[in-house]
Amino acid sequence: MSYETILYSTEGPIATITLNRPDRLNTIVPPMPDEVEQAVGRATRDEDVKVIVLRGAGRSFCAGYDFGGGFEHWDEYLATDGEWDPGKDFAMATAPELSPTQKFMSVWRSPKPVIAQVHGYCVGGGSDFALCADLIVASEDAVIGTPYSRMWGSYLSGMWVYRLGLARTKFHALTGRPLNGRQAAEVELINQAVPFAELESTVAELAADLASIPASQLAAMKLVVNQAYENMGLASTQTLGPILDGLMRNTPDALEFIEKAESDGVGSVIRERDGRFRDYSEAPPELQPDPEHVIEP
């Protein structure tokens, strides 16, 4: 099977799914959610695969949804006669067969453990996706955050809420402030942070450890933990979040934001959004991911 936006490979009991739009920091466009879901299904059905590794090619794991041309690449599902259709938007946002969030949640639903290998930027919808994985290992200089907290979005998978306590969740939800990999591990948003030079080997060792455990045992332990979080209202959160995301993409402020992005370039609106906070791409170089830290697929 060939893919447009991802790569899929297996080596022994390990399947690797690599987001493969490195020139665009692996930002999300169609058909990436569909291809991720297909690849997870492929690994789930493969009896030789026991563990799935999720990573990004190039300089970043995933820099969120690509809005460089507005959201025109989703118009089939979001618009009627060129105008935003809230009815179509909420239907797409909540239907498992259509919702990008639910397609990315295939890593949560698979009975096989999924390790997210995070480096560079893991922001916006990219962070919502990565946090659906079972275990997350990041490079220490990775940047994990939701800049959409400031403009043009809302929590999608809800995993920021379920992985952090109330105080931390409210802080990041309201400010959009990011965490580097080391900070994310300290507050237990993710499992572990390591120097970039050790990232691939650390993930490989963890995957090998998991692969040494019977598949049924892994599936049982994943299921019981996931079910506990499902009982905390995960499905309800994931219904509300994407609906709010659609509304927040179409407020007067949001429409002005995207019009300026189309006329002046994405960099212009990002500088305006994040400049006062001095983070993400507006952070000083020492607080940004090292551009030399590249994953070769």
Foldseek 3Di string as FASTA:
>chain_A
DDDDFWDWDDDFQEIEIEGEPQVQQSADAPPVLVVLLVRLVVSLPDPRHQEYEYAYFAAWRYQYHDCLVHNVRCCVQAHDPPHGDLVSQLVQLQDCVRRSLNSLLSQLVRLHAYEYQTGFECEAVSLLSNLSGPAYEYAQLYKYWYLCLQAQFFRAQCSLVVQADDVVSVVRSNPRHIHGRVVCCVRRSHPYYHHLVCRVVVVVVVSVVSVVDDSVVSSVVSVVVSVVVVVVVSSVCNSPRSSVSSVRCDDPVNVVLSVCCNVVNPVVSCCVSCVVVCDDVSPPPVNGGDSVSGDHD
